[in-house]
Amino acid sequence: MKTYPLLIILLLLAACASDSQKQTETKVEQAVQAAKEAATNGKTVPKKENVAKKNTQNTAQKNTQKVLKEGDPQLRRKNIGRKSIEDKFRDMNAVEVGEQMPKWQLKDINGSEVNLAQYKGKLLVIDMWATWCGPCLKQAPHFAKLAQEMESDKVAFISVSLDGDFAFWKKYLKNNPKEGTQLWAGESEANPLYWLTYMDFTRDNEPNIISRLPTFVIISPEGEILANNAPSPSSGKLKERVEKYLGEI
């Protein structure tokens, strides 16, 4: 006695639940015939193909160029936050290594404005973080220690919060004091510092962007972006990178 795969049984049940008796009989005959032919040929009943999508850098780059050059309307529909994917890729490209850091405004804990011009002439090392980011909080002591060791008239270290609420960030710092220069940028897509957290990836063969934290950034005394995804301070490699750039000044 021949047995048929479980898939055939499921097909029979589905047919009985959704079709008329006559249609069901027809589907049963077709399913049985397909099973017989598969058994005769030594094959299994084919299933739908499940294709794994690979997220490779080359694919992401091609998709990036497609968005920027063609302005594909299908891709425009893929929004993250308030900006379209197309706009986010433009923002991300504006803060690539070698680009001049765009103007940006921050606030200190007293609400006073701070801008990039205040650090002109110094190598600037930035720790991008948020109060809700566990890995950020783990890296914070290492960043503070590095700042204490290396800060001078040639290099400055600042920690920049991307928390959405200034009052909440201010209260957090009062309850959880942090060493070093603490500034607030907010969760604003208009601020170029926020763009520095962007990371592209491919999902369902379409380009997407997410924000990564913590992010460590190094800017030259002339305002050029030297690193937009520098190593973490806990690895010891951030110190090596800063020393390298200081030696080139």
Protein backbone atom coordinates (compact mmCIF):
# COMPACT_ATOMS: atom_id res chain seq x y z
CA MET A 1 0.00 0.00 0.00
CA LYS A 2 1.39 3.36 -1.03
CA THR A 3 1.50 6.33 1.40
CA TYR A 4 1.45 9.94 0.35
CA PRO A 5 3.27 12.90 1.86
CA LEU A 6 1.72 15.00 4.59
CA LEU A 7 1.53 17.90 2.13
CA ILE A 8 -1.04 15.98 0.07
CA ILE A 9 -3.23 15.44 3.15
CA LEU A 10 -3.10 19.14 3.93
CA LEU A 11 -4.06 19.96 0.36
CA LEU A 12 -7.08 17.66 0.65
CA LEU A 13 -8.23 19.27 3.90
CA ALA A 14 -7.83 22.77 2.47
CA ALA A 15 -9.79 21.83 -0.60
CA CYS A 16 -12.63 20.38 1.44
CA ALA A 17 -12.89 23.51 3.57
CA SER A 18 -13.01 26.05 0.77
CA ASP A 19 -14.51 24.53 -2.39
CA SER A 20 -17.75 22.99 -3.50
CA GLN A 21 -18.05 19.18 -3.56
CA LYS A 22 -17.46 19.01 -7.31
CA GLN A 23 -14.40 21.26 -7.11
CA THR A 24 -13.10 19.25 -4.18
CA GLU A 25 -13.34 15.99 -6.10
CA THR A 26 -11.44 17.52 -8.98
CA LYS A 27 -8.69 18.81 -6.68
CA VAL A 28 -8.44 15.43 -4.93
CA GLU A 29 -7.99 13.64 -8.25
CA GLN A 30 -5.34 16.15 -9.32
CA ALA A 31 -3.46 15.88 -6.02
CA VAL A 32 -3.50 12.08 -6.05
CA GLN A 33 -2.36 12.01 -9.66
CA ALA A 34 0.49 14.42 -8.85
CA ALA A 35 1.56 12.22 -5.95
CA LYS A 36 1.52 9.09 -8.12
CA GLU A 37 3.59 10.75 -10.80
CA ALA A 38 6.06 12.03 -8.22
CA ALA A 39 6.40 8.56 -6.69
CA THR A 40 6.91 7.00 -10.13
CA ASN A 41 9.66 9.47 -10.98
CA GLY A 42 11.29 9.09 -7.58
CA LYS A 43 10.67 12.76 -6.74
CA THR A 44 8.88 14.58 -3.95
CA VAL A 45 6.02 16.98 -4.49
CA PRO A 46 7.64 20.36 -5.08
CA LYS A 47 7.32 23.02 -2.40
CA LYS A 48 7.48 26.77 -2.70
CA GLU A 49 11.03 28.04 -2.83
CA ASN A 50 12.19 30.04 0.18
CA VAL A 51 14.95 32.34 -1.04
CA ALA A 52 17.33 33.74 1.59
CA LYS A 53 18.12 37.40 1.08
CA LYS A 54 21.82 38.16 1.48
CA ASN A 55 22.84 41.47 2.96
CA THR A 56 26.12 42.24 1.25
CA GLN A 57 27.96 45.51 1.02
CA ASN A 58 27.97 45.45 -2.78
CA THR A 59 24.19 45.05 -2.91
CA ALA A 60 23.74 47.88 -0.41
CA GLN A 61 25.99 50.16 -2.43
CA LYS A 62 24.12 49.40 -5.67
CA ASN A 63 20.79 50.05 -3.97
CA THR A 64 22.17 53.29 -2.53
CA GLN A 65 23.14 54.50 -5.99
CA LYS A 66 19.73 53.48 -7.33
CA VAL A 67 17.98 55.59 -4.71
CA LEU A 68 20.23 58.60 -5.18
CA LYS A 69 20.44 58.61 -8.97
CA GLU A 70 17.10 57.21 -10.07
CA GLY A 71 14.83 58.33 -7.23
CA ASP A 72 12.90 55.07 -7.54
CA PRO A 73 9.30 55.85 -6.38
CA GLN A 74 8.95 52.32 -5.01
CA LEU A 75 11.91 52.92 -2.72
CA ARG A 76 10.66 56.36 -1.74
CA ARG A 77 7.78 54.67 0.07
CA LYS A 78 10.22 53.07 2.51
CA ASN A 79 10.30 55.67 5.28
CA ILE A 80 12.09 55.56 8.60
CA GLY A 81 11.18 58.44 10.91
CA ARG A 82 10.10 61.60 9.16
CA LYS A 83 12.53 61.48 6.23
CA SER A 84 12.43 59.26 3.18
CA ILE A 85 15.11 56.67 2.51
CA GLU A 86 16.35 58.81 -0.35
CA ASP A 87 16.85 61.81 1.95
CA LYS A 88 18.54 59.69 4.60
CA PHE A 89 21.06 58.34 2.11
CA ARG A 90 21.87 61.90 1.05
CA ASP A 91 22.35 62.87 4.69
CA MET A 92 24.56 59.85 5.33
CA ASN A 93 26.72 60.65 2.29
CA ALA A 94 27.11 64.22 3.55
CA VAL A 95 28.97 62.95 6.63
CA GLU A 96 31.22 60.35 5.00
CA VAL A 97 34.92 60.24 5.84
CA GLY A 98 36.72 63.06 4.05
CA GLU A 99 33.71 65.41 4.06
CA GLN A 100 33.60 68.64 5.99
CA MET A 101 31.42 68.36 9.06
CA PRO A 102 28.25 70.42 8.42
CA LYS A 103 27.26 73.10 10.91
CA TRP A 104 25.44 71.77 13.94
CA GLN A 105 23.98 73.07 17.17
CA LEU A 106 24.09 71.40 20.57
CA LYS A 107 23.11 72.40 24.09
CA ASP A 108 24.95 72.07 27.35
CA ILE A 109 23.19 71.13 30.58
CA ASN A 110 22.29 74.79 31.19
CA GLY A 111 20.63 75.12 27.79
CA SER A 112 23.39 77.25 26.25
CA GLU A 113 24.14 76.60 22.58
CA VAL A 114 27.38 74.95 21.52
CA ASN A 115 28.61 74.67 17.94
CA LEU A 116 31.49 73.13 16.02
CA ALA A 117 33.34 76.44 15.65
CA GLN A 118 34.16 76.37 19.35
CA TYR A 119 36.42 73.36 18.76
CA LYS A 120 38.16 74.67 15.66
CA GLY A 121 41.91 74.05 15.81
CA LYS A 122 41.54 70.90 17.91
CA LEU A 123 41.14 67.24 17.09
CA LEU A 124 37.59 66.46 18.25
CA VAL A 125 36.54 63.03 19.53
CA ILE A 126 32.78 62.51 19.96
CA ASP A 127 30.89 59.83 21.88
CA MET A 128 27.32 59.55 20.55
CA TRP A 129 25.04 57.93 23.13
CA ALA A 130 21.58 57.81 24.74
CA THR A 131 20.32 57.08 28.24
CA TRP A 132 18.31 54.06 27.01
CA CYS A 133 21.32 52.49 25.25
CA GLY A 134 22.92 49.75 27.39
CA PRO A 135 26.14 49.42 25.33
CA CYS A 136 26.51 53.23 25.46
CA LEU A 137 26.45 53.24 29.25
CA LYS A 138 29.06 50.46 29.35
CA GLN A 139 31.41 52.43 27.09
CA ALA A 140 30.95 55.72 28.94
CA PRO A 141 33.52 55.08 31.73
CA HIS A 142 36.11 53.99 29.16
CA PHE A 143 35.51 57.13 27.10
CA ALA A 144 35.79 59.34 30.22
CA LYS A 145 39.05 57.65 31.21
CA LEU A 146 40.49 58.16 27.72
CA ALA A 147 39.48 61.82 27.83
CA GLN A 148 41.24 62.30 31.17
CA GLU A 149 44.39 60.69 29.80
CA MET A 150 44.58 62.48 26.45
CA GLU A 151 42.66 65.77 26.58
CA SER A 152 44.93 68.72 25.87
CA ASP A 153 45.18 71.91 23.86
CA LYS A 154 45.35 69.68 20.76
CA VAL A 155 42.42 67.31 21.35
CA ALA A 156 38.96 67.59 22.92
CA PHE A 157 36.52 64.88 23.96
CA ILE A 158 32.74 65.42 24.15
CA SER A 159 29.79 63.12 24.88
CA VAL A 160 26.67 63.93 22.86
CA SER A 161 23.24 62.62 23.86
CA LEU A 162 20.62 61.72 21.26
CA ASP A 163 17.82 61.47 23.81
CA GLY A 164 14.62 63.00 22.52
CA ASP A 165 13.79 65.02 25.63
CA PHE A 166 16.23 67.67 26.91
CA ALA A 167 14.61 67.86 30.36
CA PHE A 168 14.81 64.07 30.77
CA TRP A 169 18.50 64.06 29.75
CA LYS A 170 19.26 66.90 32.16
CA LYS A 171 17.52 65.09 35.03
CA TYR A 172 19.33 61.86 34.17
CA LEU A 173 22.73 63.59 34.42
CA LYS A 174 21.81 65.10 37.79
CA ASN A 175 20.88 61.66 39.10
CA ASN A 176 23.73 59.90 37.29
CA PRO A 177 26.69 62.31 37.06
CA LYS A 178 29.02 61.68 34.12
CA GLU A 179 32.56 62.94 33.82
CA GLY A 180 33.73 65.07 30.93
CA THR A 181 31.91 67.46 28.61
CA GLN A 182 28.24 66.51 28.27
CA LEU A 183 26.14 67.96 25.44
CA TRP A 184 22.69 67.28 24.01
CA ALA A 185 21.79 67.02 20.32
CA GLY A 186 18.34 65.48 20.64
CA GLU A 187 16.73 62.94 18.38
CA SER A 188 16.58 65.33 15.44
CA GLU A 189 17.02 64.22 11.83
CA ALA A 190 17.95 67.82 10.99
CA ASN A 191 21.16 67.63 13.04
CA PRO A 192 24.19 66.30 11.09
CA LEU A 193 25.46 64.60 14.23
CA TYR A 194 22.40 62.36 14.05
CA TRP A 195 23.33 61.45 10.48
CA LEU A 196 26.64 60.09 11.74
CA THR A 197 24.74 57.24 13.43
CA TYR A 198 23.18 56.04 10.15
CA MET A 199 24.07 52.57 8.89
CA ASP A 200 22.72 51.11 5.65
CA PHE A 201 21.59 47.53 5.10
CA THR A 202 19.47 45.59 2.65
CA ARG A 203 16.09 44.08 3.53
CA ASP A 204 13.83 42.37 1.00
CA ASN A 205 16.22 43.56 -1.74
CA GLU A 206 15.56 47.19 -0.79
CA PRO A 207 17.91 49.65 0.94
CA ASN A 208 17.15 50.59 4.52
CA ILE A 209 18.81 52.71 7.19
CA ILE A 210 19.00 52.27 10.93
CA SER A 211 20.74 54.32 13.63
CA ARG A 212 23.56 52.65 15.56
CA LEU A 213 24.65 53.58 19.08
CA PRO A 214 27.11 54.11 20.53
CA THR A 215 28.95 55.80 17.65
CA PHE A 216 32.42 57.28 18.01
CA VAL A 217 33.47 60.07 15.66
CA ILE A 218 36.76 61.89 15.08
CA ILE A 219 36.90 65.31 13.41
CA SER A 220 40.09 67.09 12.36
CA PRO A 221 41.10 70.56 13.61
CA GLU A 222 39.94 71.86 10.20
CA GLY A 223 36.52 70.25 10.51
CA GLU A 224 37.12 67.24 8.24
CA ILE A 225 35.52 63.95 9.24
CA LEU A 226 38.38 61.53 9.86
CA ALA A 227 36.31 58.66 11.25
CA ASN A 228 32.52 58.27 11.41
CA ASN A 229 32.52 54.82 13.02
CA ALA A 230 35.70 54.69 15.09
CA PRO A 231 36.51 51.75 17.41
CA SER A 232 35.12 51.64 20.94
CA PRO A 233 37.27 53.06 23.75
CA SER A 234 37.13 49.79 25.70
CA SER A 235 39.00 48.02 22.88
CA GLY A 236 42.02 50.31 23.19
CA LYS A 237 41.87 50.95 19.46
CA LEU A 238 40.18 54.35 19.79
CA LYS A 239 43.23 55.57 21.72
CA GLU A 240 45.51 54.25 18.98
CA ARG A 241 43.45 56.05 16.34
CA VAL A 242 43.54 59.35 18.25
CA GLU A 243 47.30 59.06 18.76
CA LYS A 244 47.72 58.41 15.04
CA TYR A 245 45.81 61.55 14.07
CA LEU A 246 47.59 63.64 16.70
CA GLY A 247 50.89 62.56 15.18
CA GLU A 248 49.74 63.87 11.81
CA ILE A 249 48.75 67.33 13.04
